[in-house]
C-alpha atoms as a PDB file:
ATOM      1  CA  MET A   1      90.930  78.828 104.164  1.00  0.00           C
ATOM      2  CA  PRO A   2      94.625  79.590 105.148  1.00  0.00           C
ATOM      3  CA  ASP A   3      96.747  81.767 103.884  1.00  0.00           C
ATOM      4  CA  THR A   4      98.996  79.301 101.501  1.00  0.00           C
ATOM      5  CA  SER A   5     101.784  81.656 101.000  1.00  0.00           C
ATOM      6  CA  PHE A   6     102.353  81.827 104.965  1.00  0.00           C
ATOM      7  CA  ARG A   7     101.672  78.267 105.290  1.00  0.00           C
ATOM      8  CA  ALA A   8     104.642  76.908 103.034  1.00  0.00           C
ATOM      9  CA  GLY A   9     106.810  79.912 104.308  1.00  0.00           C
ATOM     10  CA  PHE A  10     105.769  78.505 107.683  1.00  0.00           C
ATOM     11  CA  MET A  11     106.271  74.868 107.210  1.00  0.00           C
ATOM     12  CA  GLU A  12     109.975  74.948 105.808  1.00  0.00           C
ATOM     13  CA  ALA A  13     111.452  77.168 108.340  1.00  0.00           C
ATOM     14  CA  PHE A  14     109.722  75.080 111.324  1.00  0.00           C
ATOM     15  CA  GLY A  15     111.131  71.826 109.476  1.00  0.00           C
ATOM     16  CA  ALA A  16     114.894  73.633 109.119  1.00  0.00           C
ATOM     17  CA  SER A  17     114.245  74.810 112.620  1.00  0.00           C
ATOM     18  CA  GLY A  18     114.138  71.164 114.581  1.00  0.00           C
ATOM     19  CA  LEU A  19     112.094  72.648 116.626  1.00  0.00           C
ATOM     20  CA  GLY A  20     109.029  70.811 118.423  1.00  0.00           C
ATOM     21  CA  MET A  21     105.992  72.343 118.723  1.00  0.00           C
ATOM     22  CA  ALA A  22     106.101  72.512 122.579  1.00  0.00           C
ATOM     23  CA  GLU A  23     109.264  74.695 121.696  1.00  0.00           C
ATOM     24  CA  LEU A  24     108.101  76.819 119.663  1.00  0.00           C
ATOM     25  CA  SER A  25     104.875  77.451 121.284  1.00  0.00           C
ATOM     26  CA  ARG A  26     106.931  78.921 124.405  1.00  0.00           C
ATOM     27  CA  ARG A  27     109.038  80.673 121.895  1.00  0.00           C
ATOM     28  CA  SER A  28     106.477  82.529 119.900  1.00  0.00           C
ATOM     29  CA  GLY A  29     103.634  83.022 122.649  1.00  0.00           C
ATOM     30  CA  VAL A  30     101.437  81.121 119.988  1.00  0.00           C
ATOM     31  CA  SER A  31      99.283  77.961 121.508  1.00  0.00           C
ATOM     32  CA  TYR A  32     100.302  74.636 120.984  1.00  0.00           C
ATOM     33  CA  ASP A  33      96.561  73.976 119.493  1.00  0.00           C
ATOM     34  CA  ALA A  34      97.456  76.748 116.873  1.00  0.00           C
ATOM     35  CA  ILE A  35     100.736  75.659 115.753  1.00  0.00           C
ATOM     36  CA  ASN A  36      99.497  71.961 115.452  1.00  0.00           C
ATOM     37  CA  LYS A  37      95.848  72.817 113.203  1.00  0.00           C
ATOM     38  CA  LEU A  38      98.589  75.049 111.322  1.00  0.00           C
ATOM     39  CA  LYS A  39     101.131  72.276 110.753  1.00  0.00           C
ATOM     40  CA  ARG A  40      97.459  70.239 109.527  1.00  0.00           C
ATOM     41  CA  GLY A  41      96.913  72.539 107.369  1.00  0.00           C
ATOM     42  CA  SER A  42      93.549  72.142 109.325  1.00  0.00           C
ATOM     43  CA  SER A  43      93.379  75.935 110.832  1.00  0.00           C
ATOM     44  CA  GLY A  44      91.067  78.406 109.415  1.00  0.00           C
ATOM     45  CA  SER A  45      91.751  81.445 111.670  1.00  0.00           C
ATOM     46  CA  THR A  46      95.393  81.668 112.318  1.00  0.00           C
ATOM     47  CA  SER A  47      95.295  85.419 113.208  1.00  0.00           C
ATOM     48  CA  ALA A  48      97.934  88.305 111.851  1.00  0.00           C
ATOM     49  CA  GLU A  49      98.983  88.561 115.189  1.00  0.00           C
ATOM     50  CA  ASN A  50     100.315  84.831 115.487  1.00  0.00           C
ATOM     51  CA  ALA A  51     101.518  85.002 112.173  1.00  0.00           C
ATOM     52  CA  GLU A  52     104.138  87.548 112.750  1.00  0.00           C
ATOM     53  CA  ARG A  53     105.022  85.868 115.949  1.00  0.00           C
ATOM     54  CA  LEU A  54     105.267  82.396 114.621  1.00  0.00           C
ATOM     55  CA  LYS A  55     107.235  84.315 111.439  1.00  0.00           C
ATOM     56  CA  ALA A  56     109.579  86.168 114.548  1.00  0.00           C
ATOM     57  CA  ALA A  57     110.149  83.127 116.445  1.00  0.00           C
ATOM     58  CA  LEU A  58     111.065  81.429 113.018  1.00  0.00           C
ATOM     59  CA  SER A  59     113.004  84.405 111.583  1.00  0.00           C
ATOM     60  CA  GLU A  60     116.485  82.232 111.669  1.00  0.00           C
ATOM     61  CA  TRP A  61     115.435  79.648 109.364  1.00  0.00           C
ATOM     62  CA  TRP A  62     112.212  81.736 107.680  1.00  0.00           C
ATOM     63  CA  PRO A  63     112.950  81.075 103.506  1.00  0.00           C
ATOM     64  CA  SER A  64     113.470  84.621 101.520  1.00  0.00           C
ATOM     65  CA  SER A  65     111.211  83.231  98.701  1.00  0.00           C
ATOM     66  CA  HIS A  66     107.939  83.605 101.551  1.00  0.00           C
ATOM     67  CA  ASN A  67     109.634  86.849 103.445  1.00  0.00           C
ATOM     68  CA  GLN A  68     105.968  88.748 102.585  1.00  0.00           C
ATOM     69  CA  SER A  69     104.973  91.038 105.485  1.00  0.00           C
ATOM     70  CA  LEU A  70     101.331  91.238 106.347  1.00  0.00           C
ATOM     71  CA  VAL A  71      99.231  94.148 105.381  1.00  0.00           C
ATOM     72  CA  ALA A  72      95.875  95.488 107.531  1.00  0.00           C
ATOM     73  CA  VAL A  73      92.762  95.969 104.991  1.00  0.00           C
ATOM     74  CA  ALA A  74      92.179  99.128 106.697  1.00  0.00           C
ATOM     75  CA  GLY A  75      88.142  99.723 105.845  1.00  0.00           C
ATOM     76  CA  ARG A  76      86.218  99.448 102.819  1.00  0.00           C
ATOM     77  CA  VAL A  77      85.558 101.624  99.538  1.00  0.00           C
ATOM     78  CA  GLY A  78      82.598 102.272  97.798  1.00  0.00           C
ATOM     79  CA  ALA A  79      82.476 101.293  94.342  1.00  0.00           C
ATOM     80  CA  GLY A  80      78.920 102.282  93.773  1.00  0.00           C
ATOM     81  CA  ASP A  81      77.799 102.018  97.706  1.00  0.00           C
ATOM     82  CA  GLN A  82      78.400 104.826 100.221  1.00  0.00           C
ATOM     83  CA  VAL A  83      81.145 103.664 102.683  1.00  0.00           C
ATOM     84  CA  PRO A  84      82.645 105.945 105.399  1.00  0.00           C
ATOM     85  CA  LEU A  85      86.187 105.338 104.519  1.00  0.00           C
ATOM     86  CA  VAL A  86      88.647 103.884 107.485  1.00  0.00           C
ATOM     87  CA  ASP A  87      92.055 104.893 106.435  1.00  0.00           C
ATOM     88  CA  ALA A  88      93.959 103.576 108.802  1.00  0.00           C
ATOM     89  CA  PHE A  89      97.614 103.281 107.261  1.00  0.00           C
ATOM     90  CA  GLU A  90      98.248 100.030 108.466  1.00  0.00           C
ATOM     91  CA  ARG A  91      97.681 100.924 112.069  1.00  0.00           C
ATOM     92  CA  GLY A  92      95.453  98.750 114.027  1.00  0.00           C
ATOM     93  CA  ASP A  93      94.321  95.408 113.177  1.00  0.00           C
ATOM     94  CA  GLY A  94      92.238  96.485 110.690  1.00  0.00           C
ATOM     95  CA  LEU A  95      89.347  94.369 109.142  1.00  0.00           C
ATOM     96  CA  TYR A  96      91.556  91.344 108.473  1.00  0.00           C
ATOM     97  CA  HIS A  97      95.170  90.943 106.749  1.00  0.00           C
ATOM     98  CA  VAL A  98      96.441  90.585 103.295  1.00  0.00           C
ATOM     99  CA  THR A  99     100.047  89.626 102.282  1.00  0.00           C
ATOM    100  CA  ARG A 100     101.739  92.256 100.880  1.00  0.00           C
ATOM    101  CA  PRO A 101     102.041  92.130  97.238  1.00  0.00           C
ATOM    102  CA  PRO A 102     105.871  91.253  96.407  1.00  0.00           C
ATOM    103  CA  GLU A 103     106.099  94.697  94.230  1.00  0.00           C
ATOM    104  CA  LEU A 104     105.130  96.736  97.267  1.00  0.00           C
ATOM    105  CA  LEU A 105     107.822  95.135  99.894  1.00  0.00           C
ATOM    106  CA  GLY A 106     109.445  98.249 101.693  1.00  0.00           C
ATOM    107  CA  ARG A 107     106.732 100.557 100.633  1.00  0.00           C
ATOM    108  CA  SER A 108     104.136 101.884 103.726  1.00  0.00           C
ATOM    109  CA  VAL A 109     100.876 101.550 101.352  1.00  0.00           C
ATOM    110  CA  VAL A 110      97.188 100.696 102.405  1.00  0.00           C
ATOM    111  CA  ALA A 111      94.675  98.098 101.566  1.00  0.00           C
ATOM    112  CA  VAL A 112      91.183  98.413 101.062  1.00  0.00           C
ATOM    113  CA  GLU A 113      88.229  96.374 100.337  1.00  0.00           C
ATOM    114  CA  ILE A 114      85.634  96.984  97.434  1.00  0.00           C
ATOM    115  CA  GLU A 115      81.786  97.009  98.170  1.00  0.00           C
ATOM    116  CA  GLY A 116      79.619  97.734  95.298  1.00  0.00           C
ATOM    117  CA  GLU A 117      79.642  97.177  91.673  1.00  0.00           C
ATOM    118  CA  SER A 118      80.309 100.289  89.784  1.00  0.00           C
ATOM    119  CA  MET A 119      83.817  99.458  88.913  1.00  0.00           C
ATOM    120  CA  LEU A 120      82.571  96.115  87.204  1.00  0.00           C
ATOM    121  CA  PRO A 121      83.617  94.248  85.360  1.00  0.00           C
ATOM    122  CA  THR A 122      87.208  95.100  86.222  1.00  0.00           C
ATOM    123  CA  TYR A 123      86.904  95.633  90.236  1.00  0.00           C
ATOM    124  CA  GLY A 124      84.214  93.736  92.265  1.00  0.00           C
ATOM    125  CA  PRO A 125      82.726  93.113  95.381  1.00  0.00           C
ATOM    126  CA  GLY A 126      85.366  91.667  97.835  1.00  0.00           C
ATOM    127  CA  ASP A 127      88.194  92.519  95.883  1.00  0.00           C
ATOM    128  CA  VAL A 128      91.379  94.015  97.777  1.00  0.00           C
ATOM    129  CA  ILE A 129      93.353  97.563  96.274  1.00  0.00           C
ATOM    130  CA  PHE A 130      96.207  98.656  97.495  1.00  0.00           C
ATOM    131  CA  TYR A 131      97.314 102.447  97.456  1.00  0.00           C
ATOM    132  CA  ALA A 132      99.509 104.968  99.152  1.00  0.00           C
ATOM    133  CA  ARG A 133      99.449 108.495  99.651  1.00  0.00           C
ATOM    134  CA  GLU A 134     101.849 111.295 101.238  1.00  0.00           C
ATOM    135  CA  ALA A 135      99.355 114.199 101.704  1.00  0.00           C
ATOM    136  CA  ASP A 136      96.059 115.548 101.182  1.00  0.00           C
ATOM    137  CA  GLY A 137      95.197 116.816  97.687  1.00  0.00           C
ATOM    138  CA  VAL A 138      94.635 115.456  94.433  1.00  0.00           C
ATOM    139  CA  PRO A 139      98.291 114.991  92.103  1.00  0.00           C
ATOM    140  CA  SER A 140      98.228 115.553  88.833  1.00  0.00           C
ATOM    141  CA  GLU A 141      98.774 111.495  88.418  1.00  0.00           C
ATOM    142  CA  ALA A 142      95.657 111.384  89.479  1.00  0.00           C
ATOM    143  CA  LEU A 143      93.801 112.683  87.018  1.00  0.00           C
ATOM    144  CA  ASN A 144      91.932 110.139  84.389  1.00  0.00           C
ATOM    145  CA  ARG A 145      92.808 107.225  86.204  1.00  0.00           C
ATOM    146  CA  VAL A 146      91.089 104.307  88.758  1.00  0.00           C
ATOM    147  CA  CYS A 147      91.616 105.776  92.275  1.00  0.00           C
ATOM    148  CA  VAL A 148      90.729 105.465  96.365  1.00  0.00           C
ATOM    149  CA  CYS A 149      89.829 109.151  96.854  1.00  0.00           C
ATOM    150  CA  GLU A 150      87.702 110.258  99.729  1.00  0.00           C
ATOM    151  CA  CYS A 151      84.914 113.339  99.533  1.00  0.00           C
ATOM    152  CA  ASP A 152      83.870 115.955 102.167  1.00  0.00           C
ATOM    153  CA  ALA A 153      81.609 113.434 103.635  1.00  0.00           C
ATOM    154  CA  GLY A 154      84.155 111.214 104.227  1.00  0.00           C
ATOM    155  CA  ASN A 155      83.003 108.628 102.217  1.00  0.00           C
ATOM    156  CA  GLY A 156      85.485 106.511 100.269  1.00  0.00           C
ATOM    157  CA  TRP A 157      85.246 105.799  96.617  1.00  0.00           C
ATOM    158  CA  LEU A 158      86.754 103.897  93.948  1.00  0.00           C
ATOM    159  CA  LYS A 159      86.535 106.100  90.495  1.00  0.00           C
ATOM    160  CA  ILE A 160      87.993 107.583  87.431  1.00  0.00           C
ATOM    161  CA  ILE A 161      89.139 110.661  88.639  1.00  0.00           C
ATOM    162  CA  ARG A 162      87.899 113.542  85.923  1.00  0.00           C
ATOM    163  CA  PRO A 163      88.844 117.636  86.423  1.00  0.00           C
ATOM    164  CA  GLY A 164      85.402 119.118  87.273  1.00  0.00           C
ATOM    165  CA  ASP A 165      84.014 122.820  86.858  1.00  0.00           C
ATOM    166  CA  GLY A 166      85.865 124.259  89.547  1.00  0.00           C
ATOM    167  CA  PRO A 167      88.542 124.191  92.191  1.00  0.00           C
ATOM    168  CA  ARG A 168      88.491 120.882  94.025  1.00  0.00           C
ATOM    169  CA  LEU A 169      85.731 119.399  92.430  1.00  0.00           C
ATOM    170  CA  PHE A 170      85.760 116.215  90.096  1.00  0.00           C
ATOM    171  CA  HIS A 171      83.783 113.851  88.456  1.00  0.00           C
ATOM    172  CA  LEU A 172      84.175 110.633  89.671  1.00  0.00           C
ATOM    173  CA  ARG A 173      83.282 108.391  86.560  1.00  0.00           C
ATOM    174  CA  SER A 174      82.200 104.528  86.789  1.00  0.00           C
ATOM    175  CA  LEU A 175      83.282 101.674  84.583  1.00  0.00           C
ATOM    176  CA  ASN A 176      79.931 100.129  84.754  1.00  0.00           C
ATOM    177  CA  ASP A 177      77.949 102.398  82.329  1.00  0.00           C
ATOM    178  CA  THR A 178      74.417 101.782  84.351  1.00  0.00           C
ATOM    179  CA  VAL A 179      75.776 103.924  87.128  1.00  0.00           C
ATOM    180  CA  PRO A 180      75.888 107.549  86.503  1.00  0.00           C
ATOM    181  CA  THR A 181      79.016 110.062  86.847  1.00  0.00           C
ATOM    182  CA  MET A 182      79.383 111.643  90.643  1.00  0.00           C
ATOM    183  CA  THR A 183      79.369 115.259  89.456  1.00  0.00           C
ATOM    184  CA  ASN A 184      81.241 118.099  90.945  1.00  0.00           C
ATOM    185  CA  VAL A 185      82.387 116.155  94.256  1.00  0.00           C
ATOM    186  CA  THR A 186      84.642 118.045  96.229  1.00  0.00           C
ATOM    187  CA  LEU A 187      87.760 115.616  97.214  1.00  0.00           C
ATOM    188  CA  ARG A 188      90.005 115.557 100.278  1.00  0.00           C
ATOM    189  CA  TRP A 189      92.505 113.244  98.220  1.00  0.00           C
ATOM    190  CA  ALA A 190      92.730 110.900  95.715  1.00  0.00           C
ATOM    191  CA  ALA A 191      95.519 108.341  95.284  1.00  0.00           C
ATOM    192  CA  PRO A 192      95.973 106.063  92.186  1.00  0.00           C
ATOM    193  CA  ILE A 193      95.830 102.215  92.883  1.00  0.00           C
ATOM    194  CA  LEU A 194      98.966 100.671  93.090  1.00  0.00           C
ATOM    195  CA  VAL A 195      97.811  97.175  92.941  1.00  0.00           C
ATOM    196  CA  HIS A 196      94.430  95.174  92.295  1.00  0.00           C
ATOM    197  CA  ARG A 197      93.677  91.718  94.017  1.00  0.00           C
ATOM    198  CA  ALA A 198      90.222  90.030  93.065  1.00  0.00           C
ATOM    199  CA  ALA A 199      88.609  88.539  95.980  1.00  0.00           C
ATOM    200  CA  ALA A 200      89.421  84.842  95.172  1.00  0.00           C
ATOM    201  CA  VAL A 201      92.922  85.752  95.289  1.00  0.00           C
ATOM    202  CA  SER A 202      93.203  88.487  97.700  1.00  0.00           C
ATOM    203  CA  GLY A 203      96.207  86.712  99.538  1.00  0.00           C
ATOM    204  CA  ARG A 204      93.926  86.986 103.121  1.00  0.00           C
ATOM    205  CA  ALA A 205      95.858  85.585 106.010  1.00  0.00           C
ATOM    206  CA  ALA A 206      94.538  82.835 107.475  1.00  0.00           C
END
């Protein structure tokens, strides 16, 4: 369904602008039909690109209370399932887009979607998590915390990081007690979670 945060900002800015839909279509490059559907609240497919174009065209009137940028969901991270990690650092289109959490405005962050059930009941399939990392390696602040991490095989995991039995080796623990701990895994990097959004309130852009 449409991203209500974006649509609310759009409706307020569109009304304040005094522009007609045809003129807004000309200025933004977004089709008249797409704008009309968004205005009526019937569009379930307003792309992130169209959203950014409309926001740019209405920037003079866009309310600051709705000034949230979009973040591309770069890929999926495994919570039990083995998932190759796509870590695009907001480059490209990603799987889809979500609104940036207000507390992360101005930060370079990555969003990924959870796949698997090993981190239930806290983190479930379809939830979106945000993280940031500056370099490879496992920083000390990642230890004993829930992190996104990547192993040498290129798979991304959502796990609690524990020190392993040697250099660059770590035990990856799940919250779901039925899932065994992954022992002595070599990690390329790990980054603590900054924000977690349940699937039902992920802020997915229309």
